[in-house]
Structure formats: C-alpha cells, structure tokens
Amino acid sequence: MREGSIRSDIELQAPVAIAVGAGFKREITSLTAMQNFLKEWPPATQDESYITALRSCEAARAGEIDLDKARQAFLVFAKKAGIEWTGADPVVKLREAKIRRSRARESRTQNRHVPG
C-alpha cells in the first residue's frame, strides 16, 4: 500500500462482534463501520483505548498501517469498554441465575421442613 493514499471503505477479513443494547450482537464488517461506531461513542467514556482505536482506523484509511492493526486496536477498545461479544447472551444468563437462585431457595425451604 502506498503511503498517503486514501482508501475507500474496506471490508474486514473477520468481522468484529460487539454487544449492544440488551444482549444484542452487532457485527462490525468494515473500516467505515468501525470509524462510525467510534465517532458515536459517548465523549465522557472516550479513554486511551478509544483514542488509539480511532487513530488506528484513520491510519488504516490513509494506508499508513495494515487494516488488521486497526481491527486489533478496535478489539482492545471493545474489551476495555466492556462491549466485546463473548457469545453469552446476558438475558439467558440472568434467567439461568434466577432459576438457580429459585431452586436453591426451594431446596433450603424443603430441608428446613424435613422431620428429623
């Protein structure tokens, strides 16, 4: 890649999955999608990893770094921001935890009433 040449949108070889909303998965599939997501990130939570990810996207667009380096910077940002997709659906996890608590309460209640 020639240094200083501006690149149009580039598809990522492997999309970046992030968690948005109430356990919904969003796949970031291109350089433009990464940049747009970062530009919409709340200013109050823009930390060093955010700045690195945004600058990396800009450098990839300019052809100064490989797209994979920008993707890696975005992944670091996502992890630090707590939005990295882990594959675990939070709604399902909360439901499972509620069921476990309910069963534990039932078990304790039954054990108290067992004649001894």
PDB file of N, CA and C in Angstrom:
ATOM      1  N   MET A   1       0.847  -1.183   0.000  1.00  0.00           N
ATOM      2  CA  MET A   1       0.000   0.000   0.000  1.00  0.00           C
ATOM      3  C   MET A   1       0.885   1.237   0.000  1.00  0.00           C
ATOM      4  N   ARG A   2       0.591   2.154  -0.892  1.00  0.00           N
ATOM      5  CA  ARG A   2       1.349   3.398  -0.938  1.00  0.00           C
ATOM      6  C   ARG A   2       0.998   4.269   0.258  1.00  0.00           C
ATOM      7  N   GLU A   3       2.014   4.850   0.843  1.00  0.00           N
ATOM      8  CA  GLU A   3       1.778   5.733   1.970  1.00  0.00           C
ATOM      9  C   GLU A   3       1.117   6.999   1.469  1.00  0.00           C
ATOM     10  N   GLY A   4       0.126   7.479   2.213  1.00  0.00           N
ATOM     11  CA  GLY A   4      -0.536   8.717   1.865  1.00  0.00           C
ATOM     12  C   GLY A   4      -1.726   8.544   0.939  1.00  0.00           C
ATOM     13  N   SER A   5      -1.968   7.347   0.400  1.00  0.00           N
ATOM     14  CA  SER A   5      -3.136   7.158  -0.450  1.00  0.00           C
ATOM     15  C   SER A   5      -4.350   6.894   0.437  1.00  0.00           C
ATOM     16  N   ILE A   6      -5.439   7.568   0.145  1.00  0.00           N
ATOM     17  CA  ILE A   6      -6.650   7.421   0.945  1.00  0.00           C
ATOM     18  C   ILE A   6      -7.443   6.238   0.388  1.00  0.00           C
ATOM     19  N   ARG A   7      -7.861   5.370   1.278  1.00  0.00           N
ATOM     20  CA  ARG A   7      -8.591   4.178   0.873  1.00  0.00           C
ATOM     21  C   ARG A   7     -10.080   4.375   1.094  1.00  0.00           C
ATOM     22  N   SER A   8     -10.869   3.877   0.171  1.00  0.00           N
ATOM     23  CA  SER A   8     -12.310   3.891   0.388  1.00  0.00           C
ATOM     24  C   SER A   8     -12.640   2.794   1.398  1.00  0.00           C
ATOM     25  N   ASP A   9     -13.909   2.528   1.595  1.00  0.00           N
ATOM     26  CA  ASP A   9     -14.271   1.536   2.607  1.00  0.00           C
ATOM     27  C   ASP A   9     -13.659   0.180   2.283  1.00  0.00           C
ATOM     28  N   ILE A  10     -13.187  -0.486   3.319  1.00  0.00           N
ATOM     29  CA  ILE A  10     -12.528  -1.775   3.183  1.00  0.00           C
ATOM     30  C   ILE A  10     -13.223  -2.764   4.112  1.00  0.00           C
ATOM     31  N   GLU A  11     -13.589  -3.903   3.552  1.00  0.00           N
ATOM     32  CA  GLU A  11     -14.209  -4.956   4.352  1.00  0.00           C
ATOM     33  C   GLU A  11     -13.146  -5.625   5.212  1.00  0.00           C
ATOM     34  N   LEU A  12     -13.516  -5.943   6.446  1.00  0.00           N
ATOM     35  CA  LEU A  12     -12.626  -6.679   7.338  1.00  0.00           C
ATOM     36  C   LEU A  12     -12.623  -8.146   6.931  1.00  0.00           C
ATOM     37  N   GLN A  13     -11.490  -8.799   7.056  1.00  0.00           N
ATOM     38  CA  GLN A  13     -11.427 -10.229   6.750  1.00  0.00           C
ATOM     39  C   GLN A  13     -12.280 -11.021   7.735  1.00  0.00           C
ATOM     40  N   ALA A  14     -12.279 -10.588   8.974  1.00  0.00           N
ATOM     41  CA  ALA A  14     -13.110 -11.215  10.004  1.00  0.00           C
ATOM     42  C   ALA A  14     -13.855 -10.108  10.739  1.00  0.00           C
ATOM     43  N   PRO A  15     -15.183 -10.137  10.726  1.00  0.00           N
ATOM     44  CA  PRO A  15     -15.949  -9.092  11.415  1.00  0.00           C
ATOM     45  C   PRO A  15     -15.628  -9.052  12.912  1.00  0.00           C
ATOM     46  N   VAL A  16     -15.856  -7.908  13.514  1.00  0.00           N
ATOM     47  CA  VAL A  16     -15.700  -7.746  14.956  1.00  0.00           C
ATOM     48  C   VAL A  16     -17.107  -7.760  15.552  1.00  0.00           C
ATOM     49  N   ALA A  17     -17.356  -8.678  16.471  1.00  0.00           N
ATOM     50  CA  ALA A  17     -18.666  -8.768  17.114  1.00  0.00           C
ATOM     51  C   ALA A  17     -18.623  -8.031  18.441  1.00  0.00           C
ATOM     52  N   ILE A  18     -19.613  -7.162  18.625  1.00  0.00           N
ATOM     53  CA  ILE A  18     -19.715  -6.417  19.876  1.00  0.00           C
ATOM     54  C   ILE A  18     -21.125  -6.580  20.432  1.00  0.00           C
ATOM     55  N   ALA A  19     -21.263  -6.377  21.722  1.00  0.00           N
ATOM     56  CA  ALA A  19     -22.561  -6.449  22.380  1.00  0.00           C
ATOM     57  C   ALA A  19     -23.146  -5.046  22.449  1.00  0.00           C
ATOM     58  N   VAL A  20     -24.365  -4.920  21.998  1.00  0.00           N
ATOM     59  CA  VAL A  20     -25.055  -3.635  22.058  1.00  0.00           C
ATOM     60  C   VAL A  20     -26.420  -3.844  22.680  1.00  0.00           C
ATOM     61  N   GLY A  21     -26.930  -2.839  23.343  1.00  0.00           N
ATOM     62  CA  GLY A  21     -28.256  -2.940  23.927  1.00  0.00           C
ATOM     63  C   GLY A  21     -28.359  -4.062  24.938  1.00  0.00           C
ATOM     64  N   ALA A  22     -29.525  -4.674  24.966  1.00  0.00           N
ATOM     65  CA  ALA A  22     -29.809  -5.722  25.953  1.00  0.00           C
ATOM     66  C   ALA A  22     -29.385  -7.082  25.424  1.00  0.00           C
ATOM     67  N   GLY A  23     -28.090  -7.244  25.226  1.00  0.00           N
ATOM     68  CA  GLY A  23     -27.571  -8.528  24.810  1.00  0.00           C
ATOM     69  C   GLY A  23     -27.630  -8.795  23.325  1.00  0.00           C
ATOM     70  N   PHE A  24     -27.789  -7.747  22.539  1.00  0.00           N
ATOM     71  CA  PHE A  24     -27.813  -7.928  21.098  1.00  0.00           C
ATOM     72  C   PHE A  24     -26.406  -7.858  20.536  1.00  0.00           C
ATOM     73  N   LYS A  25     -26.179  -8.668  19.536  1.00  0.00           N
ATOM     74  CA  LYS A  25     -24.872  -8.729  18.888  1.00  0.00           C
ATOM     75  C   LYS A  25     -24.895  -7.863  17.638  1.00  0.00           C
ATOM     76  N   ARG A  26     -23.827  -7.093  17.457  1.00  0.00           N
ATOM     77  CA  ARG A  26     -23.665  -6.292  16.244  1.00  0.00           C
ATOM     78  C   ARG A  26     -22.316  -6.651  15.646  1.00  0.00           C
ATOM     79  N   GLU A  27     -22.302  -6.882  14.360  1.00  0.00           N
ATOM     80  CA  GLU A  27     -21.050  -7.200  13.691  1.00  0.00           C
ATOM     81  C   GLU A  27     -20.559  -5.989  12.920  1.00  0.00           C
ATOM     82  N   ILE A  28     -19.331  -5.612  13.219  1.00  0.00           N
ATOM     83  CA  ILE A  28     -18.666  -4.527  12.506  1.00  0.00           C
ATOM     84  C   ILE A  28     -17.885  -5.196  11.380  1.00  0.00           C
ATOM     85  N   THR A  29     -18.226  -4.862  10.135  1.00  0.00           N
ATOM     86  CA  THR A  29     -17.677  -5.604   8.998  1.00  0.00           C
ATOM     87  C   THR A  29     -16.724  -4.802   8.126  1.00  0.00           C
ATOM     88  N   SER A  30     -16.558  -3.504   8.425  1.00  0.00           N
ATOM     89  CA  SER A  30     -15.707  -2.692   7.553  1.00  0.00           C
ATOM     90  C   SER A  30     -15.006  -1.589   8.340  1.00  0.00           C
ATOM     91  N   LEU A  31     -14.040  -0.983   7.692  1.00  0.00           N
ATOM     92  CA  LEU A  31     -13.311   0.128   8.299  1.00  0.00           C
ATOM     93  C   LEU A  31     -14.250   1.294   8.588  1.00  0.00           C
ATOM     94  N   THR A  32     -15.122   1.605   7.642  1.00  0.00           N
ATOM     95  CA  THR A  32     -16.074   2.696   7.850  1.00  0.00           C
ATOM     96  C   THR A  32     -16.997   2.406   9.030  1.00  0.00           C
ATOM     97  N   ALA A  33     -17.450   1.168   9.150  1.00  0.00           N
ATOM     98  CA  ALA A  33     -18.326   0.795  10.267  1.00  0.00           C
ATOM     99  C   ALA A  33     -17.606   0.960  11.607  1.00  0.00           C
ATOM    100  N   MET A  34     -16.315   0.598  11.654  1.00  0.00           N
ATOM    101  CA  MET A  34     -15.535   0.793  12.894  1.00  0.00           C
ATOM    102  C   MET A  34     -15.459   2.283  13.222  1.00  0.00           C
ATOM    103  N   GLN A  35     -15.113   3.085  12.215  1.00  0.00           N
ATOM    104  CA  GLN A  35     -14.975   4.523  12.456  1.00  0.00           C
ATOM    105  C   GLN A  35     -16.300   5.140  12.874  1.00  0.00           C
ATOM    106  N   ASN A  36     -17.381   4.784  12.204  1.00  0.00           N
ATOM    107  CA  ASN A  36     -18.685   5.351  12.549  1.00  0.00           C
ATOM    108  C   ASN A  36     -19.084   4.968  13.966  1.00  0.00           C
ATOM    109  N   PHE A  37     -18.831   3.728  14.350  1.00  0.00           N
ATOM    110  CA  PHE A  37     -19.153   3.295  15.705  1.00  0.00           C
ATOM    111  C   PHE A  37     -18.362   4.127  16.717  1.00  0.00           C
ATOM    112  N   LEU A  38     -17.073   4.297  16.456  1.00  0.00           N
ATOM    113  CA  LEU A  38     -16.229   5.069  17.380  1.00  0.00           C
ATOM    114  C   LEU A  38     -16.659   6.532  17.451  1.00  0.00           C
ATOM    115  N   LYS A  39     -17.045   7.106  16.332  1.00  0.00           N
ATOM    116  CA  LYS A  39     -17.455   8.518  16.321  1.00  0.00           C
ATOM    117  C   LYS A  39     -18.744   8.745  17.090  1.00  0.00           C
ATOM    118  N   GLU A  40     -19.545   7.691  17.250  1.00  0.00           N
ATOM    119  CA  GLU A  40     -20.799   7.799  18.010  1.00  0.00           C
ATOM    120  C   GLU A  40     -20.619   7.472  19.485  1.00  0.00           C
ATOM    121  N   TRP A  41     -19.425   7.064  19.884  1.00  0.00           N
ATOM    122  CA  TRP A  41     -19.169   6.673  21.273  1.00  0.00           C
ATOM    123  C   TRP A  41     -19.269   7.891  22.175  1.00  0.00           C
ATOM    124  N   PRO A  42     -19.910   7.767  23.332  1.00  0.00           N
ATOM    125  CA  PRO A  42     -20.092   8.919  24.232  1.00  0.00           C
ATOM    126  C   PRO A  42     -18.763   9.570  24.641  1.00  0.00           C
ATOM    127  N   PRO A  43     -18.656  10.881  24.490  1.00  0.00           N
ATOM    128  CA  PRO A  43     -17.410  11.586  24.828  1.00  0.00           C
ATOM    129  C   PRO A  43     -16.933  11.355  26.259  1.00  0.00           C
ATOM    130  N   ALA A  44     -17.850  11.201  27.181  1.00  0.00           N
ATOM    131  CA  ALA A  44     -17.472  11.032  28.590  1.00  0.00           C
ATOM    132  C   ALA A  44     -16.716   9.732  28.838  1.00  0.00           C
ATOM    133  N   THR A  45     -16.830   8.763  27.927  1.00  0.00           N
ATOM    134  CA  THR A  45     -16.177   7.471  28.130  1.00  0.00           C
ATOM    135  C   THR A  45     -15.085   7.205  27.096  1.00  0.00           C
ATOM    136  N   GLN A  46     -14.630   8.242  26.444  1.00  0.00           N
ATOM    137  CA  GLN A  46     -13.560   8.092  25.453  1.00  0.00           C
ATOM    138  C   GLN A  46     -12.214   8.106  26.158  1.00  0.00           C
ATOM    139  N   ASP A  47     -11.665   6.906  26.342  1.00  0.00           N
ATOM    140  CA  ASP A  47     -10.391   6.774  27.050  1.00  0.00           C
ATOM    141  C   ASP A  47      -9.246   6.569  26.062  1.00  0.00           C
ATOM    142  N   GLU A  48      -8.098   6.172  26.583  1.00  0.00           N
ATOM    143  CA  GLU A  48      -6.910   5.981  25.745  1.00  0.00           C
ATOM    144  C   GLU A  48      -7.117   4.897  24.685  1.00  0.00           C
ATOM    145  N   SER A  49      -7.799   3.819  25.056  1.00  0.00           N
ATOM    146  CA  SER A  49      -8.034   2.746  24.081  1.00  0.00           C
ATOM    147  C   SER A  49      -8.948   3.221  22.954  1.00  0.00           C
ATOM    148  N   TYR A  50      -9.883   4.093  23.293  1.00  0.00           N
ATOM    149  CA  TYR A  50     -10.762   4.683  22.277  1.00  0.00           C
ATOM    150  C   TYR A  50      -9.943   5.527  21.294  1.00  0.00           C
ATOM    151  N   ILE A  51      -9.095   6.385  21.841  1.00  0.00           N
ATOM    152  CA  ILE A  51      -8.275   7.270  21.005  1.00  0.00           C
ATOM    153  C   ILE A  51      -7.354   6.447  20.105  1.00  0.00           C
ATOM    154  N   THR A  52      -6.760   5.407  20.666  1.00  0.00           N
ATOM    155  CA  THR A  52      -5.876   4.538  19.878  1.00  0.00           C
ATOM    156  C   THR A  52      -6.651   3.869  18.750  1.00  0.00           C
ATOM    157  N   ALA A  53      -7.839   3.373  19.047  1.00  0.00           N
ATOM    158  CA  ALA A  53      -8.657   2.704  18.022  1.00  0.00           C
ATOM    159  C   ALA A  53      -9.043   3.680  16.917  1.00  0.00           C
ATOM    160  N   LEU A  54      -9.474   4.875  17.289  1.00  0.00           N
ATOM    161  CA  LEU A  54      -9.872   5.871  16.287  1.00  0.00           C
ATOM    162  C   LEU A  54      -8.689   6.286  15.419  1.00  0.00           C
ATOM    163  N   ARG A  55      -7.558   6.544  16.043  1.00  0.00           N
ATOM    164  CA  ARG A  55      -6.356   6.924  15.278  1.00  0.00           C
ATOM    165  C   ARG A  55      -5.879   5.783  14.380  1.00  0.00           C
ATOM    166  N   SER A  56      -6.020   4.552  14.859  1.00  0.00           N
ATOM    167  CA  SER A  56      -5.630   3.401  14.059  1.00  0.00           C
ATOM    168  C   SER A  56      -6.521   3.273  12.822  1.00  0.00           C
ATOM    169  N   CYS A  57      -7.807   3.516  12.991  1.00  0.00           N
ATOM    170  CA  CYS A  57      -8.719   3.481  11.841  1.00  0.00           C
ATOM    171  C   CYS A  57      -8.340   4.562  10.827  1.00  0.00           C
ATOM    172  N   GLU A  58      -8.038   5.747  11.320  1.00  0.00           N
ATOM    173  CA  GLU A  58      -7.634   6.834  10.426  1.00  0.00           C
ATOM    174  C   GLU A  58      -6.331   6.490   9.703  1.00  0.00           C
ATOM    175  N   ALA A  59      -5.390   5.870  10.414  1.00  0.00           N
ATOM    176  CA  ALA A  59      -4.111   5.486   9.805  1.00  0.00           C
ATOM    177  C   ALA A  59      -4.318   4.383   8.763  1.00  0.00           C
ATOM    178  N   ALA A  60      -5.227   3.443   9.036  1.00  0.00           N
ATOM    179  CA  ALA A  60      -5.515   2.382   8.066  1.00  0.00           C
ATOM    180  C   ALA A  60      -6.160   2.972   6.817  1.00  0.00           C
ATOM    181  N   ARG A  61      -7.044   3.932   7.002  1.00  0.00           N
ATOM    182  CA  ARG A  61      -7.699   4.572   5.862  1.00  0.00           C
ATOM    183  C   ARG A  61      -6.656   5.286   4.992  1.00  0.00           C
ATOM    184  N   ALA A  62      -5.653   5.874   5.641  1.00  0.00           N
ATOM    185  CA  ALA A  62      -4.606   6.590   4.904  1.00  0.00           C
ATOM    186  C   ALA A  62      -3.544   5.643   4.347  1.00  0.00           C
ATOM    187  N   GLY A  63      -3.654   4.362   4.682  1.00  0.00           N
ATOM    188  CA  GLY A  63      -2.684   3.391   4.194  1.00  0.00           C
ATOM    189  C   GLY A  63      -1.382   3.378   4.982  1.00  0.00           C
ATOM    190  N   GLU A  64      -1.390   3.968   6.156  1.00  0.00           N
ATOM    191  CA  GLU A  64      -0.183   4.046   6.983  1.00  0.00           C
ATOM    192  C   GLU A  64       0.054   2.778   7.810  1.00  0.00           C
ATOM    193  N   ILE A  65      -1.039   2.059   8.110  1.00  0.00           N
ATOM    194  CA  ILE A  65      -0.928   0.779   8.837  1.00  0.00           C
ATOM    195  C   ILE A  65      -1.847  -0.233   8.175  1.00  0.00           C
ATOM    196  N   ASP A  66      -1.624  -1.500   8.484  1.00  0.00           N
ATOM    197  CA  ASP A  66      -2.489  -2.561   7.973  1.00  0.00           C
ATOM    198  C   ASP A  66      -3.862  -2.472   8.630  1.00  0.00           C
ATOM    199  N   LEU A  67      -4.859  -2.883   7.894  1.00  0.00           N
ATOM    200  CA  LEU A  67      -6.226  -2.896   8.416  1.00  0.00           C
ATOM    201  C   LEU A  67      -6.331  -3.782   9.655  1.00  0.00           C
ATOM    202  N   ASP A  68      -5.585  -4.881   9.688  1.00  0.00           N
ATOM    203  CA  ASP A  68      -5.650  -5.776  10.839  1.00  0.00           C
ATOM    204  C   ASP A  68      -5.175  -5.091  12.122  1.00  0.00           C
ATOM    205  N   LYS A  69      -4.221  -4.181  12.009  1.00  0.00           N
ATOM    206  CA  LYS A  69      -3.768  -3.446  13.207  1.00  0.00           C
ATOM    207  C   LYS A  69      -4.893  -2.548  13.732  1.00  0.00           C
ATOM    208  N   ALA A  70      -5.642  -1.938  12.827  1.00  0.00           N
ATOM    209  CA  ALA A  70      -6.785  -1.112  13.249  1.00  0.00           C
ATOM    210  C   ALA A  70      -7.854  -1.994  13.887  1.00  0.00           C
ATOM    211  N   ARG A  71      -8.078  -3.162  13.307  1.00  0.00           N
ATOM    212  CA  ARG A  71      -9.047  -4.109  13.863  1.00  0.00           C
ATOM    213  C   ARG A  71      -8.633  -4.533  15.271  1.00  0.00           C
ATOM    214  N   GLN A  72      -7.350  -4.821  15.457  1.00  0.00           N
ATOM    215  CA  GLN A  72      -6.858  -5.215  16.776  1.00  0.00           C
ATOM    216  C   GLN A  72      -7.031  -4.088  17.797  1.00  0.00           C
ATOM    217  N   ALA A  73      -6.771  -2.857  17.378  1.00  0.00           N
ATOM    218  CA  ALA A  73      -6.962  -1.703  18.280  1.00  0.00           C
ATOM    219  C   ALA A  73      -8.436  -1.562  18.654  1.00  0.00           C
ATOM    220  N   PHE A  74      -9.322  -1.815  17.687  1.00  0.00           N
ATOM    221  CA  PHE A  74     -10.757  -1.752  17.963  1.00  0.00           C
ATOM    222  C   PHE A  74     -11.155  -2.846  18.951  1.00  0.00           C
ATOM    223  N   LEU A  75     -10.588  -4.036  18.803  1.00  0.00           N
ATOM    224  CA  LEU A  75     -10.870  -5.134  19.735  1.00  0.00           C
ATOM    225  C   LEU A  75     -10.428  -4.799  21.160  1.00  0.00           C
ATOM    226  N   VAL A  76      -9.252  -4.168  21.289  1.00  0.00           N
ATOM    227  CA  VAL A  76      -8.766  -3.753  22.612  1.00  0.00           C
ATOM    228  C   VAL A  76      -9.740  -2.747  23.217  1.00  0.00           C
ATOM    229  N   PHE A  77     -10.161  -1.777  22.408  1.00  0.00           N
ATOM    230  CA  PHE A  77     -11.146  -0.787  22.872  1.00  0.00           C
ATOM    231  C   PHE A  77     -12.431  -1.484  23.327  1.00  0.00           C
ATOM    232  N   ALA A  78     -12.950  -2.409  22.499  1.00  0.00           N
ATOM    233  CA  ALA A  78     -14.204  -3.095  22.827  1.00  0.00           C
ATOM    234  C   ALA A  78     -14.092  -3.853  24.149  1.00  0.00           C
ATOM    235  N   LYS A  79     -12.964  -4.511  24.346  1.00  0.00           N
ATOM    236  CA  LYS A  79     -12.759  -5.267  25.592  1.00  0.00           C
ATOM    237  C   LYS A  79     -12.729  -4.323  26.795  1.00  0.00           C
ATOM    238  N   LYS A  80     -11.961  -3.240  26.687  1.00  0.00           N
ATOM    239  CA  LYS A  80     -11.863  -2.294  27.809  1.00  0.00           C
ATOM    240  C   LYS A  80     -13.187  -1.587  28.067  1.00  0.00           C
ATOM    241  N   ALA A  81     -13.967  -1.384  27.011  1.00  0.00           N
ATOM    242  CA  ALA A  81     -15.263  -0.714  27.155  1.00  0.00           C
ATOM    243  C   ALA A  81     -16.353  -1.664  27.649  1.00  0.00           C
ATOM    244  N   GLY A  82     -16.027  -2.968  27.696  1.00  0.00           N
ATOM    245  CA  GLY A  82     -16.991  -3.950  28.170  1.00  0.00           C
ATOM    246  C   GLY A  82     -18.046  -4.314  27.139  1.00  0.00           C
ATOM    247  N   ILE A  83     -17.745  -4.111  25.858  1.00  0.00           N
ATOM    248  CA  ILE A  83     -18.721  -4.419  24.814  1.00  0.00           C
ATOM    249  C   ILE A  83     -18.257  -5.551  23.904  1.00  0.00           C
ATOM    250  N   GLU A  84     -17.175  -6.206  24.273  1.00  0.00           N
ATOM    251  CA  GLU A  84     -16.684  -7.329  23.476  1.00  0.00           C
ATOM    252  C   GLU A  84     -17.728  -8.449  23.533  1.00  0.00           C
ATOM    253  N   TRP A  85     -18.079  -8.981  22.376  1.00  0.00           N
ATOM    254  CA  TRP A  85     -19.064 -10.072  22.327  1.00  0.00           C
ATOM    255  C   TRP A  85     -18.399 -11.349  22.812  1.00  0.00           C
ATOM    256  N   THR A  86     -18.971 -11.930  23.829  1.00  0.00           N
ATOM    257  CA  THR A  86     -18.406 -13.159  24.388  1.00  0.00           C
ATOM    258  C   THR A  86     -19.187 -14.384  23.952  1.00  0.00           C
ATOM    259  N   GLY A  87     -20.295 -14.162  23.301  1.00  0.00           N
ATOM    260  CA  GLY A  87     -21.138 -15.268  22.876  1.00  0.00           C
ATOM    261  C   GLY A  87     -22.174 -15.634  23.910  1.00  0.00           C
ATOM    262  N   ALA A  88     -22.045 -15.090  25.097  1.00  0.00           N
ATOM    263  CA  ALA A  88     -23.015 -15.369  26.152  1.00  0.00           C
ATOM    264  C   ALA A  88     -24.122 -14.314  26.093  1.00  0.00           C
ATOM    265  N   ASP A  89     -25.342 -14.772  25.948  1.00  0.00           N
ATOM    266  CA  ASP A  89     -26.483 -13.864  25.905  1.00  0.00           C
ATOM    267  C   ASP A  89     -26.809 -13.455  27.336  1.00  0.00           C
ATOM    268  N   PRO A  90     -26.690 -12.164  27.664  1.00  0.00           N
ATOM    269  CA  PRO A  90     -26.925 -11.735  29.050  1.00  0.00           C
ATOM    270  C   PRO A  90     -28.334 -12.024  29.539  1.00  0.00           C
ATOM    271  N   VAL A  91     -29.325 -11.991  28.661  1.00  0.00           N
ATOM    272  CA  VAL A  91     -30.701 -12.277  29.075  1.00  0.00           C
ATOM    273  C   VAL A  91     -30.813 -13.732  29.510  1.00  0.00           C
ATOM    274  N   VAL A  92     -30.217 -14.626  28.744  1.00  0.00           N
ATOM    275  CA  VAL A  92     -30.229 -16.053  29.096  1.00  0.00           C
ATOM    276  C   VAL A  92     -29.468 -16.271  30.400  1.00  0.00           C
ATOM    277  N   LYS A  93     -28.311 -15.618  30.553  1.00  0.00           N
ATOM    278  CA  LYS A  93     -27.512 -15.768  31.779  1.00  0.00           C
ATOM    279  C   LYS A  93     -28.295 -15.300  33.005  1.00  0.00           C
ATOM    280  N   LEU A  94     -28.994 -14.167  32.886  1.00  0.00           N
ATOM    281  CA  LEU A  94     -29.797 -13.675  34.011  1.00  0.00           C
ATOM    282  C   LEU A  94     -30.930 -14.635  34.333  1.00  0.00           C
ATOM    283  N   ARG A  95     -31.571 -15.170  33.306  1.00  0.00           N
ATOM    284  CA  ARG A  95     -32.659 -16.122  33.512  1.00  0.00           C
ATOM    285  C   ARG A  95     -32.135 -17.381  34.204  1.00  0.00           C
ATOM    286  N   GLU A  96     -30.980 -17.889  33.758  1.00  0.00           N
ATOM    287  CA  GLU A  96     -30.392 -19.082  34.377  1.00  0.00           C
ATOM    288  C   GLU A  96     -30.038 -18.827  35.834  1.00  0.00           C
ATOM    289  N   ALA A  97     -29.491 -17.637  36.117  1.00  0.00           N
ATOM    290  CA  ALA A  97     -29.137 -17.294  37.503  1.00  0.00           C
ATOM    291  C   ALA A  97     -30.391 -17.219  38.376  1.00  0.00           C
ATOM    292  N   LYS A  98     -31.470 -16.670  37.834  1.00  0.00           N
ATOM    293  CA  LYS A  98     -32.730 -16.571  38.584  1.00  0.00           C
ATOM    294  C   LYS A  98     -33.267 -17.966  38.891  1.00  0.00           C
ATOM    295  N   ILE A  99     -33.199 -18.866  37.922  1.00  0.00           N
ATOM    296  CA  ILE A  99     -33.660 -20.246  38.133  1.00  0.00           C
ATOM    297  C   ILE A  99     -32.824 -20.929  39.203  1.00  0.00           C
ATOM    298  N   ARG A 100     -31.496 -20.743  39.148  1.00  0.00           N
ATOM    299  CA  ARG A 100     -30.614 -21.353  40.168  1.00  0.00           C
ATOM    300  C   ARG A 100     -30.940 -20.821  41.563  1.00  0.00           C
ATOM    301  N   ARG A 101     -31.153 -19.505  41.682  1.00  0.00           N
ATOM    302  CA  ARG A 101     -31.499 -18.923  42.992  1.00  0.00           C
ATOM    303  C   ARG A 101     -32.824 -19.477  43.497  1.00  0.00           C
ATOM    304  N   SER A 102     -33.786 -19.592  42.598  1.00  0.00           N
ATOM    305  CA  SER A 102     -35.099 -20.107  42.972  1.00  0.00           C
ATOM    306  C   SER A 102     -34.999 -21.548  43.454  1.00  0.00           C
ATOM    307  N   ARG A 103     -34.236 -22.360  42.749  1.00  0.00           N
ATOM    308  CA  ARG A 103     -34.062 -23.768  43.146  1.00  0.00           C
ATOM    309  C   ARG A 103     -33.318 -23.872  44.475  1.00  0.00           C
ATOM    310  N   ALA A 104     -32.339 -23.018  44.681  1.00  0.00           N
ATOM    311  CA  ALA A 104     -31.593 -23.038  45.941  1.00  0.00           C
ATOM    312  C   ALA A 104     -32.509 -22.673  47.104  1.00  0.00           C
ATOM    313  N   ARG A 105     -33.390 -21.674  46.916  1.00  0.00           N
ATOM    314  CA  ARG A 105     -34.350 -21.290  47.969  1.00  0.00           C
ATOM    315  C   ARG A 105     -35.299 -22.440  48.265  1.00  0.00           C
ATOM    316  N   GLU A 106     -35.800 -23.082  47.198  1.00  0.00           N
ATOM    317  CA  GLU A 106     -36.714 -24.215  47.386  1.00  0.00           C
ATOM    318  C   GLU A 106     -36.033 -25.334  48.147  1.00  0.00           C
ATOM    319  N   SER A 107     -34.780 -25.590  47.816  1.00  0.00           N
ATOM    320  CA  SER A 107     -34.028 -26.654  48.479  1.00  0.00           C
ATOM    321  C   SER A 107     -33.847 -26.330  49.964  1.00  0.00           C
ATOM    322  N   ARG A 108     -33.500 -25.093  50.271  1.00  0.00           N
ATOM    323  CA  ARG A 108     -33.327 -24.693  51.673  1.00  0.00           C
ATOM    324  C   ARG A 108     -34.637 -24.791  52.427  1.00  0.00           C
ATOM    325  N   THR A 109     -35.738 -24.397  51.802  1.00  0.00           N
ATOM    326  CA  THR A 109     -37.041 -24.448  52.436  1.00  0.00           C
ATOM    327  C   THR A 109     -37.449 -25.883  52.714  1.00  0.00           C
ATOM    328  N   GLN A 110     -37.219 -26.762  51.752  1.00  0.00           N
ATOM    329  CA  GLN A 110     -37.562 -28.190  51.934  1.00  0.00           C
ATOM    330  C   GLN A 110     -36.704 -28.824  53.028  1.00  0.00           C
ATOM    331  N   ASN A 111     -35.444 -28.445  53.106  1.00  0.00           N
ATOM    332  CA  ASN A 111     -34.553 -29.020  54.127  1.00  0.00           C
ATOM    333  C   ASN A 111     -34.943 -28.589  55.519  1.00  0.00           C
ATOM    334  N   ARG A 112     -35.537 -27.396  55.674  1.00  0.00           N
ATOM    335  CA  ARG A 112     -35.946 -26.922  56.995  1.00  0.00           C
ATOM    336  C   ARG A 112     -37.173 -27.678  57.496  1.00  0.00           C
ATOM    337  N   HIS A 113     -38.015 -28.130  56.582  1.00  0.00           N
ATOM    338  CA  HIS A 113     -39.274 -28.759  56.970  1.00  0.00           C
ATOM    339  C   HIS A 113     -39.204 -30.286  57.006  1.00  0.00           C
ATOM    340  N   VAL A 114     -38.041 -30.825  56.848  1.00  0.00           N
ATOM    341  CA  VAL A 114     -37.906 -32.291  56.889  1.00  0.00           C
ATOM    342  C   VAL A 114     -37.908 -32.717  58.356  1.00  0.00           C
ATOM    343  N   PRO A 115     -38.842 -33.619  58.701  1.00  0.00           N
ATOM    344  CA  PRO A 115     -38.870 -34.075  60.104  1.00  0.00           C
ATOM    345  C   PRO A 115     -37.612 -34.867  60.432  1.00  0.00           C
ATOM    346  N   GLY A 116     -37.090 -34.656  61.575  1.00  0.00           N
ATOM    347  CA  GLY A 116     -35.832 -35.305  61.907  1.00  0.00           C
ATOM    348  C   GLY A 116     -35.790 -35.983  63.167  1.00  0.00           C
TER     349      GLY A 116
END
